[in-house]
Protein backbone atom coordinates (compact mmCIF):
# COMPACT_ATOMS: atom_id res chain seq x y z
CA MET A 1 -13.46 67.63 126.32
CA SER A 2 -16.72 65.80 127.75
CA ASP A 3 -17.97 62.19 126.63
CA ASN A 4 -20.88 63.59 125.76
CA THR A 5 -19.09 66.41 123.27
CA VAL A 6 -19.37 64.52 119.63
CA LEU A 7 -17.01 67.64 117.79
CA ARG A 8 -14.98 70.51 118.99
CA LEU A 9 -13.83 73.60 117.32
CA ASP A 10 -11.36 76.27 118.75
CA GLY A 11 -10.23 79.01 117.47
CA VAL A 12 -10.69 77.74 114.03
CA SER A 13 -10.21 80.50 110.90
CA LYS A 14 -10.11 80.44 107.72
CA SER A 15 -9.22 82.81 104.94
CA TYR A 16 -9.13 82.85 101.10
CA GLY A 17 -6.60 85.90 99.78
CA THR A 18 -8.20 89.08 101.63
CA VAL A 19 -11.65 87.39 102.59
CA GLN A 20 -11.89 86.19 106.44
CA ALA A 21 -14.72 83.20 105.71
CA VAL A 22 -14.07 82.17 109.28
CA ASP A 23 -12.83 84.20 111.97
CA ARG A 24 -11.31 82.15 115.65
CA ALA A 25 -14.90 79.79 115.67
CA SER A 26 -15.04 77.88 118.58
CA LEU A 27 -18.21 75.53 119.38
CA GLU A 28 -18.99 72.30 120.44
CA VAL A 29 -21.91 69.71 119.14
CA ARG A 30 -22.79 67.05 121.87
CA ARG A 31 -23.85 63.77 121.37
CA GLY A 32 -27.58 62.92 119.89
CA GLU A 33 -28.38 67.10 119.05
CA VAL A 34 -28.99 68.85 115.72
CA PHE A 35 -26.47 71.35 116.12
CA THR A 36 -27.59 74.15 113.13
CA LEU A 37 -24.90 76.86 111.46
CA LEU A 38 -27.36 79.17 110.27
CA GLY A 39 -26.51 82.66 108.13
CA PRO A 40 -26.77 84.78 105.27
CA SER A 41 -24.67 83.98 102.17
CA GLY A 42 -20.95 84.62 102.93
CA CYS A 43 -21.59 84.24 106.95
CA GLY A 44 -18.85 81.29 106.70
CA LYS A 45 -21.42 78.65 107.69
CA THR A 46 -20.61 76.36 104.76
CA THR A 47 -16.60 76.97 105.16
CA THR A 48 -16.73 75.81 108.59
CA LEU A 49 -18.63 72.10 107.26
CA ARG A 50 -16.10 71.91 104.75
CA LEU A 51 -13.02 72.26 107.51
CA VAL A 52 -15.00 70.22 109.71
CA ALA A 53 -15.52 67.54 106.73
CA GLY A 54 -11.69 67.74 105.94
CA LEU A 55 -12.35 69.01 102.75
CA ASP A 56 -10.77 72.52 103.58
CA ASP A 57 -7.84 72.87 106.21
CA PRO A 58 -7.72 75.41 108.75
CA ASP A 59 -5.42 78.45 108.63
CA ALA A 60 -5.24 78.77 112.44
CA GLY A 61 -7.26 76.77 115.49
CA GLU A 62 -7.71 73.36 116.27
CA ILE A 63 -10.64 70.41 115.27
CA THR A 64 -11.50 67.27 117.45
CA LEU A 65 -14.06 64.79 116.78
CA ARG A 66 -14.70 62.21 119.40
CA GLY A 67 -12.39 63.00 121.57
CA ARG A 68 -9.40 62.80 118.75
CA VAL A 69 -7.62 65.84 116.99
CA VAL A 70 -8.47 65.88 113.70
CA ALA A 71 -6.89 69.22 112.20
CA SER A 72 -4.81 70.77 114.19
CA VAL A 73 -2.50 74.22 112.75
CA SER A 74 0.04 74.59 115.52
CA ARG A 75 0.43 70.54 115.65
CA ARG A 76 0.73 70.52 111.86
CA LEU A 77 -1.74 67.64 112.11
CA PHE A 78 -4.44 67.07 108.99
CA VAL A 79 -6.60 63.60 109.10
CA PRO A 80 -7.72 63.00 105.31
CA PRO A 81 -11.72 63.33 104.97
CA HIS A 82 -11.76 59.57 104.58
CA LYS A 83 -10.23 58.97 107.94
CA ARG A 84 -12.64 61.22 110.00
CA ASN A 85 -15.78 58.58 110.04
CA LEU A 86 -18.49 61.66 108.86
CA GLY A 87 -21.04 61.54 106.59
CA MET A 88 -21.96 64.14 104.44
CA VAL A 89 -25.36 65.25 102.22
CA PHE A 90 -24.23 67.68 99.65
CA GLN A 91 -26.45 70.42 98.68
CA SER A 92 -26.76 68.76 95.35
CA TYR A 93 -27.08 65.28 96.74
CA ALA A 94 -24.12 64.37 94.61
CA ILE A 95 -25.97 60.57 93.30
CA TRP A 96 -24.13 58.72 91.19
CA PRO A 97 -26.76 58.14 87.84
CA HIS A 98 -25.29 55.18 86.64
CA MET A 99 -25.50 53.30 89.75
CA THR A 100 -29.27 51.51 91.08
CA VAL A 101 -30.39 52.58 94.46
CA PHE A 102 -28.96 49.91 96.23
CA ASP A 103 -25.28 50.52 94.64
CA ASN A 104 -25.51 53.89 95.54
CA VAL A 105 -26.06 53.06 99.20
CA ALA A 106 -23.30 49.80 99.05
CA TYR A 107 -20.87 51.82 97.63
CA PRO A 108 -18.96 53.38 100.75
CA LEU A 109 -19.61 49.96 102.44
CA ARG A 110 -17.57 48.27 99.76
CA LEU A 111 -14.66 50.74 99.98
CA ARG A 112 -14.32 50.00 104.13
CA GLY A 113 -14.73 46.45 103.33
CA VAL A 114 -18.02 45.52 103.53
CA ARG A 115 -18.89 42.71 101.23
CA GLY A 116 -21.68 39.78 100.90
CA ARG A 117 -24.86 39.50 103.61
CA ALA A 118 -23.83 41.95 105.96
CA MET A 119 -23.48 44.62 103.29
CA ARG A 120 -26.85 43.28 101.90
CA GLU A 121 -28.33 43.94 105.04
CA ARG A 122 -27.12 46.84 106.57
CA VAL A 123 -28.54 48.43 103.16
CA GLU A 124 -31.94 47.04 103.30
CA ARG A 125 -32.35 47.96 106.76
CA VAL A 126 -31.45 51.91 106.14
CA LEU A 127 -33.49 51.80 102.91
CA GLU A 128 -36.28 50.49 104.97
CA LEU A 129 -35.49 53.68 107.47
CA VAL A 130 -36.46 56.32 105.20
CA GLY A 131 -38.87 54.43 103.04
CA LEU A 132 -36.86 53.39 100.26
CA GLY A 133 -37.22 49.34 100.97
CA GLY A 134 -38.32 47.61 97.36
CA LEU A 135 -36.26 50.04 95.31
CA GLU A 136 -32.93 48.61 95.32
CA ARG A 137 -32.96 47.99 91.37
CA ARG A 138 -34.24 51.03 90.67
CA SER A 139 -31.88 53.45 88.59
CA ALA A 140 -31.02 56.70 90.60
CA THR A 141 -32.34 58.71 87.50
CA LEU A 142 -35.87 57.16 87.81
CA LEU A 143 -36.52 59.02 91.58
CA SER A 144 -38.21 61.89 92.54
CA GLY A 145 -36.47 64.66 94.16
CA GLY A 146 -37.96 63.39 97.70
CA GLN A 147 -36.71 60.10 97.03
CA MET A 148 -32.96 60.97 96.11
CA GLN A 149 -33.08 63.38 99.09
CA ARG A 150 -33.42 60.13 101.20
CA LEU A 151 -31.14 58.01 99.42
CA ALA A 152 -28.34 60.92 99.69
CA LEU A 153 -29.57 60.18 103.75
CA CYS A 154 -28.93 56.32 103.25
CA ARG A 155 -25.61 56.77 101.78
CA ALA A 156 -24.20 59.29 104.55
CA LEU A 157 -26.03 56.84 107.42
CA VAL A 158 -25.19 53.53 106.32
CA TYR A 159 -21.50 53.44 107.65
CA GLU A 160 -23.05 54.22 110.89
CA PRO A 161 -20.76 58.08 110.96
CA ASP A 162 -19.93 59.76 114.22
CA LEU A 163 -20.85 63.22 112.94
CA LEU A 164 -23.37 63.64 109.90
CA LEU A 165 -23.24 66.79 108.02
CA LEU A 166 -26.00 68.06 106.18
CA ASP A 167 -25.10 71.16 103.90
CA GLU A 168 -28.54 72.58 102.45
CA PRO A 169 -30.05 69.53 101.88
CA PHE A 170 -33.80 70.31 101.26
CA SER A 171 -33.11 73.26 98.76
CA ASN A 172 -33.98 71.90 95.72
CA LEU A 173 -36.92 70.69 96.79
CA ASP A 174 -40.42 72.67 96.30
CA ALA A 175 -42.14 73.81 99.43
CA LYS A 176 -44.43 71.44 100.49
CA LEU A 177 -41.84 68.74 99.90
CA ARG A 178 -38.87 71.01 101.93
CA GLU A 179 -41.93 70.80 104.98
CA GLN A 180 -42.40 67.23 104.78
CA MET A 181 -38.81 65.99 104.67
CA ARG A 182 -38.36 68.08 107.64
CA VAL A 183 -40.37 66.01 109.61
CA GLU A 184 -38.93 63.04 108.24
CA LEU A 185 -35.45 64.18 109.25
CA LYS A 186 -36.60 65.33 112.56
CA LEU A 187 -38.23 61.64 113.50
CA LEU A 188 -35.17 59.55 111.67
CA GLN A 189 -32.67 61.87 113.55
CA ARG A 190 -34.55 60.91 116.83
CA ARG A 191 -35.02 57.06 116.37
CA LEU A 192 -31.20 56.55 115.36
CA GLY A 193 -29.78 59.02 117.90
CA ILE A 194 -27.89 60.78 115.00
CA THR A 195 -25.54 63.87 115.97
CA VAL A 196 -26.02 66.23 112.98
CA LEU A 197 -24.32 69.02 112.12
CA PHE A 198 -26.63 70.98 109.99
CA VAL A 199 -25.76 74.24 107.49
CA THR A 200 -28.61 76.46 105.90
CA HIS A 201 -30.14 79.90 105.49
CA ASP A 202 -33.43 78.89 106.23
CA GLN A 203 -34.61 80.46 108.96
CA ILE A 204 -37.75 78.31 109.58
CA GLU A 205 -35.54 75.00 108.86
CA ALA A 206 -33.30 76.00 111.39
CA LEU A 207 -36.02 76.66 114.16
CA SER A 208 -37.87 73.45 113.47
CA LEU A 209 -34.97 71.26 113.26
CA SER A 210 -32.02 72.25 115.58
CA ASN A 211 -31.46 71.55 119.33
CA ARG A 212 -29.30 74.64 119.52
CA ILE A 213 -28.28 76.97 116.83
CA ALA A 214 -25.42 79.46 116.18
CA VAL A 215 -26.44 82.26 113.84
CA MET A 216 -23.00 83.14 112.30
CA ASP A 217 -21.65 86.68 110.74
CA ARG A 218 -18.65 87.19 108.90
CA GLY A 219 -17.32 84.31 109.93
CA ARG A 220 -17.90 84.06 113.59
CA ALA A 221 -20.92 83.07 116.00
CA GLU A 222 -22.95 86.04 117.00
CA GLN A 223 -25.04 83.95 119.51
CA ILE A 224 -25.20 79.96 120.17
CA GLY A 225 -28.68 79.04 121.71
CA SER A 226 -31.69 76.83 121.47
CA PRO A 227 -34.33 78.35 118.83
CA ARG A 228 -36.29 79.43 121.28
CA SER A 229 -33.54 81.85 123.22
CA LEU A 230 -32.24 83.09 120.04
CA TYR A 231 -35.65 84.00 119.10
CA GLU A 232 -37.05 84.86 122.08
CA ALA A 233 -33.58 86.76 123.42
CA PRO A 234 -31.33 87.80 120.70
CA ALA A 235 -28.21 89.02 122.18
CA SER A 236 -27.16 91.25 119.63
CA ALA A 237 -29.23 93.35 116.54
CA PHE A 238 -27.91 90.81 113.74
CA VAL A 239 -29.58 88.04 115.68
CA ARG A 240 -33.23 90.08 116.47
CA ASP A 241 -33.35 91.60 112.82
CA PHE A 242 -32.11 88.07 111.13
CA LEU A 243 -34.26 85.63 112.88
CA GLY A 244 -37.97 86.05 111.85
CA GLN A 245 -39.18 89.46 111.23
CA THR A 246 -39.04 92.91 113.57
CA VAL A 247 -41.00 96.16 113.92
CA ILE A 248 -38.70 98.57 114.91
CA LEU A 249 -39.86 102.13 115.99
CA THR A 250 -37.52 104.86 116.88
CA GLY A 251 -37.49 107.18 120.40
CA GLU A 252 -35.65 109.04 122.93
CA VAL A 253 -34.39 107.37 126.15
CA GLU A 254 -36.89 108.84 129.10
CA SER A 255 -36.13 107.16 131.66
CA PRO A 256 -32.93 104.43 131.77
CA GLY A 257 -32.83 101.17 133.62
CA THR A 258 -30.95 98.05 133.66
CA GLU A 259 -34.17 96.31 133.38
CA MET A 260 -36.72 98.24 132.21
CA VAL A 261 -36.09 101.56 129.70
CA ALA A 262 -38.76 103.95 129.12
CA VAL A 263 -38.53 105.61 125.63
CA ARG A 264 -40.53 108.73 123.55
CA MET A 265 -41.66 108.10 120.60
CA ASP A 266 -40.12 110.50 117.48
CA GLY A 267 -41.96 112.15 114.83
CA ALA A 268 -45.97 111.58 114.38
CA LEU A 269 -46.34 108.98 117.60
CA ASP A 270 -44.78 112.29 119.60
CA GLY A 271 -46.35 112.18 123.22
CA HIS A 272 -46.31 108.20 123.01
CA ARG A 273 -44.57 106.59 125.51
CA LEU A 274 -43.42 102.84 125.53
CA VAL A 275 -41.84 100.80 128.38
CA GLY A 276 -39.60 97.92 127.55
CA ARG A 277 -36.53 95.49 128.52
CA ALA A 278 -33.26 97.09 128.24
CA ALA A 279 -31.45 94.57 125.34
CA PRO A 280 -27.66 93.18 126.21
CA GLY A 281 -24.73 95.19 125.81
CA SER A 282 -24.12 99.25 127.38
CA PRO A 283 -26.72 100.63 129.19
CA LEU A 284 -28.49 103.38 127.42
CA ALA A 285 -28.44 107.28 129.31
CA ARG A 286 -31.39 109.45 129.02
CA GLY A 287 -32.11 111.57 125.67
CA VAL A 288 -30.28 109.38 123.55
CA LYS A 289 -31.95 107.64 120.68
CA ALA A 290 -32.86 104.19 121.07
CA HIS A 291 -34.81 101.63 119.29
CA VAL A 292 -37.65 99.74 120.59
CA ALA A 293 -38.49 96.30 118.61
CA ILE A 294 -41.16 93.70 119.11
CA ARG A 295 -42.10 90.89 117.34
CA PRO A 296 -45.15 91.38 114.60
CA GLU A 297 -47.17 88.19 116.75
CA ASP A 298 -46.39 89.81 120.29
CA ILE A 299 -48.44 93.14 119.52
CA GLU A 300 -52.05 93.48 120.70
CA VAL A 301 -55.36 94.84 119.13
CA THR A 302 -57.14 95.89 122.13
CA SER A 303 -59.51 98.01 120.46
CA SER A 304 -60.78 99.30 117.26
CA ASP A 305 -61.21 103.42 118.15
CA GLY A 306 -58.11 104.43 117.67
CA SER A 307 -58.24 106.16 121.34
CA GLY A 308 -55.31 105.58 124.23
CA SER A 309 -51.71 106.99 124.16
CA ASP A 310 -50.59 105.35 127.59
CA GLY A 311 -50.22 101.55 128.78
CA ASN A 312 -47.75 100.81 125.85
CA THR A 313 -50.08 101.63 123.63
CA LEU A 314 -50.15 103.17 119.90
CA PRO A 315 -52.82 104.26 117.37
CA GLY A 316 -53.03 102.56 113.70
CA LEU A 317 -54.73 102.60 110.91
CA VAL A 318 -55.36 99.39 108.66
CA GLU A 319 -53.71 100.28 105.00
CA ALA A 320 -53.64 97.02 103.09
CA LEU A 321 -54.79 93.75 103.99
CA LEU A 322 -53.75 90.49 102.93
CA PHE A 323 -55.78 87.50 103.83
CA VAL A 324 -53.04 84.37 104.20
CA GLY A 325 -54.88 81.35 105.42
CA ASP A 326 -54.10 80.88 109.03
CA ARG A 327 -54.13 84.75 109.76
CA TYR A 328 -54.36 87.85 108.25
CA GLU A 329 -51.01 90.20 107.40
CA ALA A 330 -51.78 93.58 107.56
CA ARG A 331 -49.64 96.90 106.81
CA VAL A 332 -50.70 99.37 109.54
CA ALA A 333 -49.79 103.22 109.37
CA LEU A 334 -48.76 104.59 113.32
CA GLY A 335 -48.45 107.82 111.73
CA GLY A 336 -46.69 109.99 109.39
CA GLU A 337 -44.29 107.80 107.39
CA GLN A 338 -44.21 105.18 109.77
CA ARG A 339 -45.44 101.82 108.67
CA ILE A 340 -45.51 98.41 110.42
CA LEU A 341 -46.26 94.37 109.33
CA LEU A 342 -49.15 93.38 111.73
CA PHE A 343 -50.73 89.81 112.24
CA LEU A 344 -54.13 89.23 113.00
CA GLY A 345 -55.94 86.67 114.01
CA ARG A 346 -58.96 85.38 111.28
CA GLY A 347 -61.40 85.14 113.94
CA ARG A 348 -62.40 88.72 113.67
CA GLU A 349 -63.79 90.62 110.40
CA TRP A 350 -61.14 93.28 109.81
CA ARG A 351 -61.18 95.62 106.78
CA GLU A 352 -58.83 98.32 105.33
CA GLY A 353 -59.11 102.10 106.85
CA GLN A 354 -60.06 100.50 110.20
CA ARG A 355 -58.27 102.20 112.85
CA LEU A 356 -56.54 99.70 115.67
CA THR A 357 -55.40 100.21 118.75
CA LEU A 358 -52.36 98.54 119.42
CA ARG A 359 -50.38 97.37 122.80
CA LEU A 360 -47.25 96.16 122.86
CA PRO A 361 -46.64 94.33 126.22
CA PRO A 362 -43.44 95.46 128.12
CA GLU A 363 -42.22 92.31 128.93
CA VAL A 364 -41.92 91.17 124.73
CA LEU A 365 -40.58 94.92 123.84
CA SER A 366 -37.35 95.71 124.04
CA VAL A 367 -35.10 98.48 123.70
CA TRP A 368 -31.55 98.80 121.54
CA PRO A 369 -29.22 101.75 121.25
CA ALA A 370 -29.89 103.46 117.89
């Protein structure tokens, strides 16, 4: 393990009865990065966090923290949570209501034998960092939701942990405050250079905060990479469909290839031909069913007369139009019962019943096995 690696999981598994919560998970978290475990409920992300924290024992594999093995089934080694030097912010914050703001933050220092002036200086410094300076004597029960979230962060950071664990920390905040706290956490993490293992099911949180993301499904990491690489080049249909919104059309492979594939559309779009990048995995043979996939924001509206069926274009009809502030969201019929979601810029006037010609650029269109 390199000096730049803070956390490493090698083949870690955990089951509860017949449920395989984590299945041979392997990953590395580098110093100073925000590494996010992203996935739907039941995918194993919170169980993985609990294994790292020492709240659960793995059934197989090994966990290493700063070059020190903290859990190993083969060695029969298990380091208890309080000896792993980890900070953790729970979904519920777990703030002690009978304590003041100062006492909440000071508590982990007292457990570690820090007293007097050294303790006061460290508590005051971390409170100032998150904008809670001057609130030391306030009861924790009198704080707002955003202030309680900051207080939980302070308590986890005050003893300078090797790794900060965040378990859905924004889930109890309203939408506007969640957005504000995402920015504040990103700035704080960058300023302090702390290493974060972040658990969330929220795609926006993961994409906006992370240096790297592990998209999890059924206890395994489907794909690990930067937010942009996962969004633009998913390695599986699960990652493709879980991250963001995807328009998926069905057709038949007309011209297979290792890089580009031509697909003739089905049903009411019969006669239209789309060319796109071959998705990762097995090559597609001529005549087999295939899915073509594209992000709604990548579809170009090139005209409004409904003409053209070549050059990766399709005709469309606006059935429903919603103005959402920064753009329009339109439900567009492509013929028959095929409907797609389309994003339209607010720089032009749009109307329901309008005919469109949609261009699906080959470089952002991918072709997958059906």
